[in-house]
């Protein structure tokens, strides 16, 4: 493989983006803890958010789990437990299309809300717009690969998946992506670029879980003394001062 473009795209570029992904999150956590949030806009509009947000998040979760299985689990493992290529392909197509449609419909709702709700649009940054554009492109190209079977008889589990795992083994095999269909290459480049963009967007909230909420102490609520409020005191017995006073 002598083409520098191929070497850069499938060998150098992935490591650059993954390095930015890791170091970017470290930097963001150290210097921008208060910005480590999804920057919720629910207070501005909730009617569309009520259905679009769950559709998008449940859909993207299913897409993520599908990628974990398709990219992270070798084909030899599924063959060993009796899952044939035909069964796997059917599951990937059916579940993938359903999850993809849910994700796309939810994302369209969120984008419509963000564009045509004035208050939400005002709270949208340039980085938000770039993030949404990249995310939509990654989802759409992935859905095209899943739904239309672009690439014909191409088995991505013997090409793209092996290349993806080889990056983390520090034994990259870029030649596997060179021979992949163009649609898979486009999806791969966009997904890798999204990793580099991730730490600097609201996507960081994916790595935030309110685990401390489970173990936090109870919150005690006490009523304020009547004389501190603005309401008139009710008639009745006066409060007894239990704090001893010096004489």
Protein backbone atom coordinates (compact mmCIF):
# COMPACT_ATOMS: atom_id res chain seq x y z
CA UNK A 1 0.00 0.00 0.00
CA UNK A 2 1.97 2.94 -1.35
CA UNK A 3 -0.75 5.58 -1.52
CA UNK A 4 -0.11 8.19 1.20
CA UNK A 5 -3.80 9.09 1.31
CA UNK A 6 -4.72 5.55 2.29
CA UNK A 7 -1.92 5.39 4.86
CA UNK A 8 -3.09 8.66 6.38
CA UNK A 9 -6.82 7.82 6.42
CA UNK A 10 -6.60 4.29 7.79
CA UNK A 11 -3.42 4.41 9.87
CA UNK A 12 -2.44 7.93 10.96
CA UNK A 13 -5.81 9.67 11.12
CA UNK A 14 -7.45 7.14 13.51
CA UNK A 15 -4.64 7.49 16.05
CA UNK A 16 -4.74 11.29 15.82
CA UNK A 17 -8.49 11.33 16.46
CA UNK A 18 -8.34 8.80 19.30
CA UNK A 19 -5.53 10.78 20.95
CA UNK A 20 -7.61 13.96 20.74
CA UNK A 21 -10.58 12.00 22.09
CA UNK A 22 -8.71 10.87 25.21
CA UNK A 23 -6.66 14.00 25.93
CA UNK A 24 -9.59 16.26 25.06
CA UNK A 25 -11.77 14.64 27.71
CA UNK A 26 -8.98 14.94 30.29
CA UNK A 27 -8.55 18.63 29.45
CA UNK A 28 -12.28 19.27 29.47
CA UNK A 29 -12.73 17.60 32.85
CA UNK A 30 -9.84 19.48 34.44
CA UNK A 31 -10.57 22.94 33.08
CA UNK A 32 -14.26 22.96 32.22
CA UNK A 33 -16.12 20.89 34.80
CA UNK A 34 -19.04 23.31 34.87
CA UNK A 35 -19.35 22.97 31.10
CA UNK A 36 -19.42 19.16 31.30
CA UNK A 37 -23.13 18.97 30.64
CA UNK A 38 -25.70 18.37 27.93
CA UNK A 39 -26.81 21.99 28.40
CA UNK A 40 -30.45 21.06 28.69
CA UNK A 41 -32.99 23.32 26.98
CA UNK A 42 -36.09 21.63 28.38
CA UNK A 43 -37.19 24.84 30.08
CA UNK A 44 -37.52 26.50 26.66
CA UNK A 45 -39.64 23.83 24.96
CA UNK A 46 -40.87 20.42 26.08
CA UNK A 47 -43.67 19.36 23.69
CA UNK A 48 -41.36 18.11 20.90
CA UNK A 49 -38.60 17.17 23.32
CA UNK A 50 -40.98 14.81 25.12
CA UNK A 51 -41.06 12.34 22.21
CA UNK A 52 -37.97 13.21 20.16
CA UNK A 53 -35.47 12.90 22.99
CA UNK A 54 -36.41 9.32 24.06
CA UNK A 55 -36.60 8.15 20.44
CA UNK A 56 -33.15 9.48 19.68
CA UNK A 57 -31.47 8.21 22.84
CA UNK A 58 -33.01 4.72 22.80
CA UNK A 59 -32.30 4.46 19.09
CA UNK A 60 -28.67 5.55 19.39
CA UNK A 61 -28.18 3.16 22.32
CA UNK A 62 -29.37 0.26 20.15
CA UNK A 63 -27.11 1.43 17.33
CA UNK A 64 -24.17 1.55 19.73
CA UNK A 65 -24.82 -1.98 20.99
CA UNK A 66 -25.07 -3.18 17.41
CA UNK A 67 -21.69 -1.66 16.64
CA UNK A 68 -20.20 -3.26 19.75
CA UNK A 69 -21.32 -6.65 18.47
CA UNK A 70 -20.45 -6.05 14.84
CA UNK A 71 -17.06 -4.41 15.36
CA UNK A 72 -15.93 -5.75 18.71
CA UNK A 73 -16.92 -9.42 18.52
CA UNK A 74 -15.02 -11.53 15.98
CA UNK A 75 -17.05 -13.60 13.53
CA UNK A 76 -15.34 -16.76 14.79
CA UNK A 77 -16.93 -16.21 18.21
CA UNK A 78 -20.49 -15.99 16.87
CA UNK A 79 -19.82 -18.99 14.62
CA UNK A 80 -18.61 -20.93 17.66
CA UNK A 81 -21.91 -20.41 19.52
CA UNK A 82 -23.98 -21.46 16.51
CA UNK A 83 -24.97 -18.09 15.03
CA UNK A 84 -24.66 -18.53 11.29
CA UNK A 85 -23.78 -15.68 8.95
CA UNK A 86 -27.34 -15.70 7.56
CA UNK A 87 -28.93 -15.37 10.99
CA UNK A 88 -26.46 -12.69 12.02
CA UNK A 89 -27.05 -10.76 8.81
CA UNK A 90 -30.83 -10.93 9.26
CA UNK A 91 -30.58 -9.69 12.86
CA UNK A 92 -28.20 -6.90 11.89
CA UNK A 93 -30.44 -5.72 9.05
CA UNK A 94 -33.76 -5.90 10.92
CA UNK A 95 -32.65 -4.52 14.28
CA UNK A 96 -30.28 -2.04 12.63
CA UNK A 97 -32.98 -0.55 10.42
CA UNK A 98 -35.44 -0.20 13.31
CA UNK A 99 -32.82 1.40 15.55
CA UNK A 100 -31.65 3.63 12.71
CA UNK A 101 -35.16 4.85 11.90
CA UNK A 102 -35.84 5.61 15.55
CA UNK A 103 -32.58 7.54 15.77
CA UNK A 104 -33.19 9.50 12.57
CA UNK A 105 -36.79 10.42 13.46
CA UNK A 106 -35.72 11.49 16.95
CA UNK A 107 -32.83 13.51 15.55
CA UNK A 108 -35.10 15.24 13.01
CA UNK A 109 -37.43 16.21 15.85
CA UNK A 110 -34.55 17.58 17.91
CA UNK A 111 -33.14 19.53 14.95
CA UNK A 112 -36.57 20.94 14.05
CA UNK A 113 -37.06 22.01 17.65
CA UNK A 114 -33.62 23.59 17.82
CA UNK A 115 -34.09 25.45 14.53
CA UNK A 116 -37.65 26.73 14.91
CA UNK A 117 -37.85 27.36 18.66
CA UNK A 118 -36.38 30.80 19.06
CA UNK A 119 -35.12 30.37 22.62
CA UNK A 120 -33.50 27.01 21.84
CA UNK A 121 -31.90 28.42 18.68
CA UNK A 122 -30.47 31.27 20.71
CA UNK A 123 -28.82 28.79 23.06
CA UNK A 124 -27.26 26.84 20.17
CA UNK A 125 -23.53 27.38 19.67
CA UNK A 126 -21.47 26.98 16.50
CA UNK A 127 -19.94 23.83 17.97
CA UNK A 128 -23.46 22.44 18.52
CA UNK A 129 -24.29 22.99 14.85
CA UNK A 130 -21.08 21.27 13.72
CA UNK A 131 -21.72 18.38 16.10
CA UNK A 132 -25.27 17.86 14.86
CA UNK A 133 -24.08 17.97 11.24
CA UNK A 134 -21.38 15.36 11.87
CA UNK A 135 -23.70 13.17 13.92
CA UNK A 136 -26.40 13.23 11.25
CA UNK A 137 -23.87 12.36 8.54
CA UNK A 138 -22.51 9.40 10.53
CA UNK A 139 -26.01 8.07 11.26
CA UNK A 140 -27.24 8.47 7.68
CA UNK A 141 -24.23 6.78 6.09
CA UNK A 142 -24.47 3.97 8.62
CA UNK A 143 -28.16 3.51 7.88
CA UNK A 144 -27.43 3.42 4.14
CA UNK A 145 -24.85 0.67 4.65
CA UNK A 146 -27.25 -1.31 6.81
CA UNK A 147 -30.50 -0.82 4.92
CA UNK A 148 -29.51 -0.98 1.28
CA UNK A 149 -26.66 -3.44 1.55
CA UNK A 150 -24.26 -1.18 -0.33
CA UNK A 151 -21.17 -3.19 -1.16
CA UNK A 152 -23.05 -6.23 -2.42
CA UNK A 153 -21.62 -9.39 -0.93
CA UNK A 154 -18.99 -7.51 1.08
CA UNK A 155 -18.61 -8.96 4.57
CA UNK A 156 -17.60 -6.05 6.79
CA UNK A 157 -16.87 -8.43 9.67
CA UNK A 158 -13.88 -9.73 7.74
CA UNK A 159 -12.73 -6.27 6.70
CA UNK A 160 -13.88 -3.18 8.60
CA UNK A 161 -14.27 -5.01 11.92
CA UNK A 162 -10.81 -6.57 11.77
CA UNK A 163 -9.28 -3.20 10.85
CA UNK A 164 -11.12 -1.50 13.73
CA UNK A 165 -9.90 -4.01 16.31
CA UNK A 166 -6.38 -3.93 14.93
CA UNK A 167 -6.11 -0.24 15.84
CA UNK A 168 -6.54 -1.06 19.52
CA UNK A 169 -4.17 -4.02 19.26
CA UNK A 170 -1.55 -1.53 17.99
CA UNK A 171 -1.16 -3.79 15.00
CA UNK A 172 -3.11 -1.78 12.39
CA UNK A 173 -4.10 -3.32 9.08
CA UNK A 174 -5.04 -0.31 6.90
CA UNK A 175 -5.07 -2.40 3.73
CA UNK A 176 -8.39 -3.91 4.87
CA UNK A 177 -10.12 -0.53 4.58
CA UNK A 178 -8.53 0.22 1.22
CA UNK A 179 -10.50 -2.68 -0.28
CA UNK A 180 -13.76 -1.83 1.51
CA UNK A 181 -16.67 -0.29 -0.49
CA UNK A 182 -16.69 3.50 -0.70
CA UNK A 183 -19.81 3.83 1.47
CA UNK A 184 -18.06 2.01 4.33
CA UNK A 185 -14.99 4.18 3.89
CA UNK A 186 -17.04 7.38 4.08
CA UNK A 187 -18.86 6.13 7.17
CA UNK A 188 -15.55 5.18 8.77
CA UNK A 189 -13.87 8.54 8.14
CA UNK A 190 -16.87 10.49 9.46
CA UNK A 191 -17.12 8.31 12.57
CA UNK A 192 -13.42 8.72 13.33
CA UNK A 193 -13.65 12.50 12.86
CA UNK A 194 -16.62 12.58 15.25
CA UNK A 195 -14.40 11.03 17.92
CA UNK A 196 -12.00 13.97 17.60
CA UNK A 197 -14.87 16.45 17.86
CA UNK A 198 -16.54 14.65 20.79
CA UNK A 199 -14.67 16.15 23.81
CA UNK A 200 -15.44 19.71 22.78
CA UNK A 201 -19.22 19.30 22.44
CA UNK A 202 -22.20 18.46 24.60
CA UNK A 203 -21.59 14.79 23.78
CA UNK A 204 -19.33 14.61 26.86
CA UNK A 205 -22.48 14.05 28.94
CA UNK A 206 -22.46 10.45 27.65
CA UNK A 207 -19.70 9.74 30.18
CA UNK A 208 -21.58 11.31 33.05
CA UNK A 209 -23.69 9.18 35.35
CA UNK A 210 -25.24 10.42 38.62
CA UNK A 211 -23.77 7.54 40.65
CA UNK A 212 -23.33 9.77 43.69
CA UNK A 213 -27.07 10.29 43.81
CA UNK A 214 -27.56 6.69 44.93
CA UNK A 215 -25.22 7.06 47.90
CA UNK A 216 -25.89 10.66 48.90
CA UNK A 217 -27.40 11.32 52.35
CA UNK A 218 -31.02 12.23 52.73
CA UNK A 219 -31.93 15.85 52.20
CA UNK A 220 -33.72 17.27 55.23
CA UNK A 221 -36.29 19.98 54.72
CA UNK A 222 -37.19 22.27 57.62
CA UNK A 223 -39.83 24.93 57.64
CA UNK A 224 -38.67 28.47 58.22
CA UNK A 225 -39.50 30.24 61.46
CA UNK A 226 -42.70 32.17 61.16
CA UNK A 227 -41.15 35.46 62.20
CA UNK A 228 -38.73 35.20 59.24
CA UNK A 229 -41.49 34.98 56.68
CA UNK A 230 -43.88 37.57 55.35
CA UNK A 231 -47.05 35.85 56.52
CA UNK A 232 -48.84 37.06 59.59
CA UNK A 233 -48.43 34.89 62.68
CA UNK A 234 -51.36 32.73 63.60
CA UNK A 235 -52.90 33.10 67.02
CA UNK A 236 -51.94 30.50 69.55
CA UNK A 237 -49.21 29.57 71.96
CA UNK A 238 -45.89 31.37 71.63
CA UNK A 239 -42.85 29.32 70.79
CA UNK A 240 -40.66 28.39 73.71
CA UNK A 241 -37.07 29.43 73.38
CA UNK A 242 -35.00 26.30 74.14
CA UNK A 243 -31.64 28.05 73.91
CA UNK A 244 -30.43 29.02 77.43
CA UNK A 245 -29.57 32.68 77.79
CA UNK A 246 -26.87 34.17 79.93
CA UNK A 247 -27.92 36.22 82.93
